[in-house]
Amino acid sequence: MFTGIIETIGKITSIEKENSNLHFTIESGISHELKVDQSVAHNGVCLTVVKCDEQSHTVTAIAETLSKTNLSSVQVGSKVNLERCMQMNGRLDGHIVQGHVDTKAKCIDITDEGGSWRFQFEHPISEGFVTVEKGSVCINGISLTVVDSTKSTFAVAIIPYTYEHTNMHTLNIGDEVNIEFDILGKYIAKMMNNKN
């Protein structure tokens, strides 16, 4: 379980293929605090640490994960947002994030609004892919508030701190991001669909 509040940005230093799996080694400021078997969100994807040392840690993504996330397109040198799992004795600063990515979305517009940035995304239409204005959405592991919403698109406003301290500043129009829709919205959408 995560909050969507990014702790740091990691840099991918190696990618090794083994059968249909990819092993990612990431250098980060929190790698030295990690241990094997720990869950860490990488661009919002919950992955298990399989190896670590003072400067880096390694995680494995299986074919199912690669097919549903943007981890299949990252390269050596790519920046990834990192968050360790939530502690139960602390404040929940973001929203409830499972680290289970629902789909990829494409960035279709970026507007510099002179003090903030507006990013618009397009996603596939599906029963549980629901956003509402002022609701929560998780983009590459970042807990964000929706400012505009349609059936297949939504926008978020990014403050300077988030822009600088996550990989949002690396996004370009056409790039794909990982999306985890709000868990409460997904349950309500499923209940409404079953009712009909």
C-alpha atoms as a PDB file:
ATOM      1  CA  MET A   1       0.000   0.000   0.000  1.00  0.00           C
ATOM      2  CA  PHE A   2       1.275   3.449  -0.962  1.00  0.00           C
ATOM      3  CA  THR A   3       0.218   7.105  -0.714  1.00  0.00           C
ATOM      4  CA  GLY A   4       1.358   8.498  -4.069  1.00  0.00           C
ATOM      5  CA  ILE A   5       3.784  10.902  -2.368  1.00  0.00           C
ATOM      6  CA  ILE A   6       7.078  10.378  -4.219  1.00  0.00           C
ATOM      7  CA  GLU A   7      10.156  10.068  -1.998  1.00  0.00           C
ATOM      8  CA  THR A   8      12.821  10.442  -4.643  1.00  0.00           C
ATOM      9  CA  ILE A   9      13.672   9.938  -8.307  1.00  0.00           C
ATOM     10  CA  GLY A  10      15.798   6.937  -9.249  1.00  0.00           C
ATOM     11  CA  LYS A  11      17.883   6.437 -12.376  1.00  0.00           C
ATOM     12  CA  ILE A  12      17.890   3.140 -14.234  1.00  0.00           C
ATOM     13  CA  THR A  13      21.514   1.983 -14.594  1.00  0.00           C
ATOM     14  CA  SER A  14      20.947  -1.431 -16.194  1.00  0.00           C
ATOM     15  CA  ILE A  15      18.206  -3.564 -17.733  1.00  0.00           C
ATOM     16  CA  GLU A  16      18.732  -7.311 -18.080  1.00  0.00           C
ATOM     17  CA  LYS A  17      16.380  -9.613 -19.966  1.00  0.00           C
ATOM     18  CA  GLU A  18      15.754 -13.121 -18.656  1.00  0.00           C
ATOM     19  CA  ASN A  19      13.183 -15.088 -20.652  1.00  0.00           C
ATOM     20  CA  SER A  20      10.093 -12.818 -20.602  1.00  0.00           C
ATOM     21  CA  ASN A  21      11.214 -10.915 -17.480  1.00  0.00           C
ATOM     22  CA  LEU A  22      13.204  -7.697 -17.195  1.00  0.00           C
ATOM     23  CA  HIS A  23      15.514  -7.003 -14.249  1.00  0.00           C
ATOM     24  CA  PHE A  24      15.933  -3.273 -13.566  1.00  0.00           C
ATOM     25  CA  THR A  25      18.793  -1.907 -11.487  1.00  0.00           C
ATOM     26  CA  ILE A  26      18.097   1.567 -10.127  1.00  0.00           C
ATOM     27  CA  GLU A  27      20.437   4.055  -8.465  1.00  0.00           C
ATOM     28  CA  SER A  28      18.730   6.224  -5.868  1.00  0.00           C
ATOM     29  CA  GLY A  29      19.097   8.096  -2.617  1.00  0.00           C
ATOM     30  CA  ILE A  30      17.000   5.477  -0.783  1.00  0.00           C
ATOM     31  CA  SER A  31      18.605   2.322  -2.185  1.00  0.00           C
ATOM     32  CA  HIS A  32      20.937   1.982   0.812  1.00  0.00           C
ATOM     33  CA  GLU A  33      17.898   1.863   3.131  1.00  0.00           C
ATOM     34  CA  LEU A  34      16.132  -0.916   1.218  1.00  0.00           C
ATOM     35  CA  LYS A  35      16.240  -4.628   1.883  1.00  0.00           C
ATOM     36  CA  VAL A  36      15.467  -7.731  -0.153  1.00  0.00           C
ATOM     37  CA  ASP A  37      11.729  -8.632  -0.207  1.00  0.00           C
ATOM     38  CA  GLN A  38      10.641  -5.009   0.371  1.00  0.00           C
ATOM     39  CA  SER A  39       7.898  -3.541  -1.843  1.00  0.00           C
ATOM     40  CA  VAL A  40       8.755  -0.310  -3.636  1.00  0.00           C
ATOM     41  CA  ALA A  41       6.624   1.574  -6.168  1.00  0.00           C
ATOM     42  CA  HIS A  42       8.536   2.366  -9.392  1.00  0.00           C
ATOM     43  CA  ASN A  43       6.509   4.812 -11.510  1.00  0.00           C
ATOM     44  CA  GLY A  44       3.555   3.568  -9.496  1.00  0.00           C
ATOM     45  CA  VAL A  45       4.265  -0.123 -10.097  1.00  0.00           C
ATOM     46  CA  CYS A  46       4.674  -2.186  -6.921  1.00  0.00           C
ATOM     47  CA  LEU A  47       7.819  -4.302  -7.381  1.00  0.00           C
ATOM     48  CA  THR A  48       9.809  -6.466  -4.961  1.00  0.00           C
ATOM     49  CA  VAL A  49      13.461  -5.682  -4.247  1.00  0.00           C
ATOM     50  CA  VAL A  50      15.504  -8.762  -5.190  1.00  0.00           C
ATOM     51  CA  LYS A  51      19.001  -7.321  -4.657  1.00  0.00           C
ATOM     52  CA  CYS A  52      20.449  -4.161  -3.128  1.00  0.00           C
ATOM     53  CA  ASP A  53      23.680  -2.448  -2.122  1.00  0.00           C
ATOM     54  CA  GLU A  54      24.687   1.024  -0.922  1.00  0.00           C
ATOM     55  CA  GLN A  55      23.998   2.808  -4.232  1.00  0.00           C
ATOM     56  CA  SER A  56      21.408   0.727  -6.074  1.00  0.00           C
ATOM     57  CA  HIS A  57      18.699  -1.904  -5.931  1.00  0.00           C
ATOM     58  CA  THR A  58      17.286  -4.409  -8.414  1.00  0.00           C
ATOM     59  CA  VAL A  59      13.666  -5.354  -9.104  1.00  0.00           C
ATOM     60  CA  THR A  60      12.064  -7.747 -11.579  1.00  0.00           C
ATOM     61  CA  ALA A  61       9.066  -7.071 -13.826  1.00  0.00           C
ATOM     62  CA  ILE A  62       7.266 -10.053 -15.344  1.00  0.00           C
ATOM     63  CA  ALA A  63       5.528 -10.139 -18.738  1.00  0.00           C
ATOM     64  CA  GLU A  64       2.093  -9.251 -17.256  1.00  0.00           C
ATOM     65  CA  THR A  65       3.540  -6.140 -15.597  1.00  0.00           C
ATOM     66  CA  LEU A  66       5.451  -5.119 -18.717  1.00  0.00           C
ATOM     67  CA  SER A  67       2.331  -5.439 -20.911  1.00  0.00           C
ATOM     68  CA  LYS A  68       0.279  -3.074 -18.728  1.00  0.00           C
ATOM     69  CA  THR A  69       2.850  -0.450 -17.739  1.00  0.00           C
ATOM     70  CA  ASN A  70       5.394   1.908 -19.248  1.00  0.00           C
ATOM     71  CA  LEU A  71       8.254  -0.131 -17.746  1.00  0.00           C
ATOM     72  CA  SER A  72       8.448  -1.945 -21.082  1.00  0.00           C
ATOM     73  CA  SER A  73       9.637   1.277 -22.742  1.00  0.00           C
ATOM     74  CA  VAL A  74      12.044   2.721 -20.162  1.00  0.00           C
ATOM     75  CA  GLN A  75      15.740   2.702 -21.006  1.00  0.00           C
ATOM     76  CA  VAL A  76      19.063   2.916 -19.202  1.00  0.00           C
ATOM     77  CA  GLY A  77      19.227   6.515 -17.970  1.00  0.00           C
ATOM     78  CA  SER A  78      15.434   6.875 -17.587  1.00  0.00           C
ATOM     79  CA  LYS A  79      14.193   8.510 -14.386  1.00  0.00           C
ATOM     80  CA  VAL A  80      11.595   6.671 -12.295  1.00  0.00           C
ATOM     81  CA  ASN A  81       9.528   7.909  -9.356  1.00  0.00           C
ATOM     82  CA  LEU A  82      10.152   5.891  -6.174  1.00  0.00           C
ATOM     83  CA  GLU A  83       8.041   5.428  -3.063  1.00  0.00           C
ATOM     84  CA  ARG A  84       8.458   2.897  -0.278  1.00  0.00           C
ATOM     85  CA  CYS A  85       5.324   1.308   1.163  1.00  0.00           C
ATOM     86  CA  MET A  86       3.178   3.298   3.569  1.00  0.00           C
ATOM     87  CA  GLN A  87       3.820   3.092   7.299  1.00  0.00           C
ATOM     88  CA  MET A  88       0.651   2.492   9.304  1.00  0.00           C
ATOM     89  CA  ASN A  89       1.712   4.920  12.051  1.00  0.00           C
ATOM     90  CA  GLY A  90       1.936   7.983   9.810  1.00  0.00           C
ATOM     91  CA  ARG A  91      -0.268  10.464   8.007  1.00  0.00           C
ATOM     92  CA  LEU A  92      -1.813   9.564   4.666  1.00  0.00           C
ATOM     93  CA  ASP A  93      -0.696  12.643   2.714  1.00  0.00           C
ATOM     94  CA  GLY A  94      -1.804  11.490  -0.757  1.00  0.00           C
ATOM     95  CA  HIS A  95      -4.551   8.917  -1.300  1.00  0.00           C
ATOM     96  CA  ILE A  96      -4.821   5.131  -1.071  1.00  0.00           C
ATOM     97  CA  VAL A  97      -2.617   3.714  -3.840  1.00  0.00           C
ATOM     98  CA  GLN A  98      -2.148  -0.017  -4.313  1.00  0.00           C
ATOM     99  CA  GLY A  99       0.712   0.018  -6.777  1.00  0.00           C
ATOM    100  CA  HIS A 100      -1.442  -1.981  -9.202  1.00  0.00           C
ATOM    101  CA  VAL A 101      -1.409  -0.054 -12.470  1.00  0.00           C
ATOM    102  CA  ASP A 102      -4.703  -0.202 -14.388  1.00  0.00           C
ATOM    103  CA  THR A 103      -3.506   0.970 -17.784  1.00  0.00           C
ATOM    104  CA  LYS A 104      -1.207   3.285 -19.681  1.00  0.00           C
ATOM    105  CA  ALA A 105      -2.349   6.744 -20.775  1.00  0.00           C
ATOM    106  CA  LYS A 106      -0.865   9.042 -23.392  1.00  0.00           C
ATOM    107  CA  CYS A 107       0.079  12.636 -22.660  1.00  0.00           C
ATOM    108  CA  ILE A 108      -1.823  14.680 -25.263  1.00  0.00           C
ATOM    109  CA  ASP A 109      -1.186  18.233 -24.067  1.00  0.00           C
ATOM    110  CA  ILE A 110       1.140  20.190 -21.790  1.00  0.00           C
ATOM    111  CA  THR A 111       0.424  23.831 -20.987  1.00  0.00           C
ATOM    112  CA  ASP A 112       2.760  26.108 -19.051  1.00  0.00           C
ATOM    113  CA  GLU A 113       0.379  28.244 -16.989  1.00  0.00           C
ATOM    114  CA  GLY A 114       3.021  30.582 -15.549  1.00  0.00           C
ATOM    115  CA  GLY A 115       3.525  29.059 -12.104  1.00  0.00           C
ATOM    116  CA  SER A 116       2.042  25.634 -12.735  1.00  0.00           C
ATOM    117  CA  TRP A 117       1.690  23.145 -15.578  1.00  0.00           C
ATOM    118  CA  ARG A 118      -1.456  21.520 -16.915  1.00  0.00           C
ATOM    119  CA  PHE A 119      -1.025  17.999 -18.300  1.00  0.00           C
ATOM    120  CA  GLN A 120      -3.811  16.288 -20.233  1.00  0.00           C
ATOM    121  CA  PHE A 121      -3.951  12.516 -20.739  1.00  0.00           C
ATOM    122  CA  GLU A 122      -5.991  10.144 -22.886  1.00  0.00           C
ATOM    123  CA  HIS A 123      -6.733   6.588 -21.744  1.00  0.00           C
ATOM    124  CA  PRO A 124      -8.713   3.594 -23.019  1.00  0.00           C
ATOM    125  CA  ILE A 125     -12.418   3.501 -22.142  1.00  0.00           C
ATOM    126  CA  SER A 126     -13.285   0.782 -19.642  1.00  0.00           C
ATOM    127  CA  GLU A 127     -15.784   0.224 -16.831  1.00  0.00           C
ATOM    128  CA  GLY A 128     -13.390   0.994 -13.980  1.00  0.00           C
ATOM    129  CA  PHE A 129     -11.367   3.717 -15.693  1.00  0.00           C
ATOM    130  CA  VAL A 130     -13.189   6.563 -13.978  1.00  0.00           C
ATOM    131  CA  THR A 131     -12.042  10.062 -13.087  1.00  0.00           C
ATOM    132  CA  VAL A 132     -14.038  12.901 -11.571  1.00  0.00           C
ATOM    133  CA  GLU A 133     -13.126  16.546 -11.107  1.00  0.00           C
ATOM    134  CA  LYS A 134     -11.465  17.086  -7.708  1.00  0.00           C
ATOM    135  CA  GLY A 135     -11.039  13.302  -7.415  1.00  0.00           C
ATOM    136  CA  SER A 136      -7.733  11.445  -7.125  1.00  0.00           C
ATOM    137  CA  VAL A 137      -5.684   9.693  -9.772  1.00  0.00           C
ATOM    138  CA  CYS A 138      -2.196   8.214  -9.653  1.00  0.00           C
ATOM    139  CA  ILE A 139       0.163   9.041 -12.555  1.00  0.00           C
ATOM    140  CA  ASN A 140       3.555   7.270 -12.560  1.00  0.00           C
ATOM    141  CA  GLY A 141       3.016   6.745  -8.839  1.00  0.00           C
ATOM    142  CA  ILE A 142       2.172  10.391  -8.084  1.00  0.00           C
ATOM    143  CA  SER A 143      -1.043  11.151  -6.191  1.00  0.00           C
ATOM    144  CA  LEU A 144      -2.727  13.976  -8.117  1.00  0.00           C
ATOM    145  CA  THR A 145      -6.055  15.804  -8.219  1.00  0.00           C
ATOM    146  CA  VAL A 146      -8.123  15.726 -11.411  1.00  0.00           C
ATOM    147  CA  VAL A 147      -9.016  19.204 -12.706  1.00  0.00           C
ATOM    148  CA  ASP A 148     -10.928  18.192 -15.830  1.00  0.00           C
ATOM    149  CA  SER A 149     -12.523  14.891 -16.778  1.00  0.00           C
ATOM    150  CA  THR A 150     -14.249  13.189 -19.718  1.00  0.00           C
ATOM    151  CA  LYS A 151     -14.895   9.519 -20.451  1.00  0.00           C
ATOM    152  CA  SER A 152     -11.465   9.022 -22.039  1.00  0.00           C
ATOM    153  CA  THR A 153      -9.404  12.037 -20.938  1.00  0.00           C
ATOM    154  CA  PHE A 154      -8.483  13.957 -17.825  1.00  0.00           C
ATOM    155  CA  ALA A 155      -6.153  16.767 -16.845  1.00  0.00           C
ATOM    156  CA  VAL A 156      -4.084  17.516 -13.754  1.00  0.00           C
ATOM    157  CA  ALA A 157      -2.385  20.691 -12.552  1.00  0.00           C
ATOM    158  CA  ILE A 158       1.228  20.316 -11.406  1.00  0.00           C
ATOM    159  CA  ILE A 159       2.795  22.675  -8.873  1.00  0.00           C
ATOM    160  CA  PRO A 160       6.502  23.582  -9.183  1.00  0.00           C
ATOM    161  CA  TYR A 161       7.582  21.287  -6.315  1.00  0.00           C
ATOM    162  CA  THR A 162       5.956  18.225  -7.911  1.00  0.00           C
ATOM    163  CA  TYR A 163       7.281  19.215 -11.349  1.00  0.00           C
ATOM    164  CA  GLU A 164      10.865  19.398 -10.060  1.00  0.00           C
ATOM    165  CA  HIS A 165      10.851  16.466  -7.597  1.00  0.00           C
ATOM    166  CA  THR A 166       9.187  13.820  -9.804  1.00  0.00           C
ATOM    167  CA  ASN A 167       9.704  12.721 -13.389  1.00  0.00           C
ATOM    168  CA  MET A 168       6.853  14.986 -14.607  1.00  0.00           C
ATOM    169  CA  HIS A 169       9.513  17.410 -15.901  1.00  0.00           C
ATOM    170  CA  THR A 170      10.743  14.706 -18.304  1.00  0.00           C
ATOM    171  CA  LEU A 171       7.325  14.140 -19.946  1.00  0.00           C
ATOM    172  CA  ASN A 172       6.642  15.166 -23.530  1.00  0.00           C
ATOM    173  CA  ILE A 173       3.454  15.074 -25.591  1.00  0.00           C
ATOM    174  CA  GLY A 174       3.034  11.509 -26.845  1.00  0.00           C
ATOM    175  CA  ASP A 175       4.755   9.873 -23.861  1.00  0.00           C
ATOM    176  CA  GLU A 176       2.957   7.077 -22.026  1.00  0.00           C
ATOM    177  CA  VAL A 177       2.435   7.091 -18.261  1.00  0.00           C
ATOM    178  CA  ASN A 178       1.171   4.510 -15.779  1.00  0.00           C
ATOM    179  CA  ILE A 179      -2.319   5.172 -14.438  1.00  0.00           C
ATOM    180  CA  GLU A 180      -3.926   3.786 -11.302  1.00  0.00           C
ATOM    181  CA  PHE A 181      -7.498   5.003 -10.981  1.00  0.00           C
ATOM    182  CA  ASP A 182      -8.946   5.653  -7.531  1.00  0.00           C
ATOM    183  CA  ILE A 183      -9.877   2.359  -5.834  1.00  0.00           C
ATOM    184  CA  LEU A 184     -13.153   3.745  -4.457  1.00  0.00           C
ATOM    185  CA  GLY A 185     -14.188   4.956  -7.911  1.00  0.00           C
ATOM    186  CA  LYS A 186     -13.422   1.519  -9.378  1.00  0.00           C
ATOM    187  CA  TYR A 187     -15.585  -0.256  -6.788  1.00  0.00           C
ATOM    188  CA  ILE A 188     -18.486   2.173  -7.269  1.00  0.00           C
ATOM    189  CA  ALA A 189     -18.258   1.831 -11.076  1.00  0.00           C
ATOM    190  CA  LYS A 190     -18.358  -1.962 -10.740  1.00  0.00           C
ATOM    191  CA  MET A 191     -21.355  -1.862  -8.372  1.00  0.00           C
ATOM    192  CA  MET A 192     -23.250   0.517 -10.662  1.00  0.00           C
ATOM    193  CA  ASN A 193     -22.513  -1.655 -13.675  1.00  0.00           C
ATOM    194  CA  ASN A 194     -23.675  -4.810 -11.859  1.00  0.00           C
ATOM    195  CA  LYS A 195     -26.862  -2.996 -10.775  1.00  0.00           C
ATOM    196  CA  ASN A 196     -27.694  -2.146 -14.385  1.00  0.00           C
END
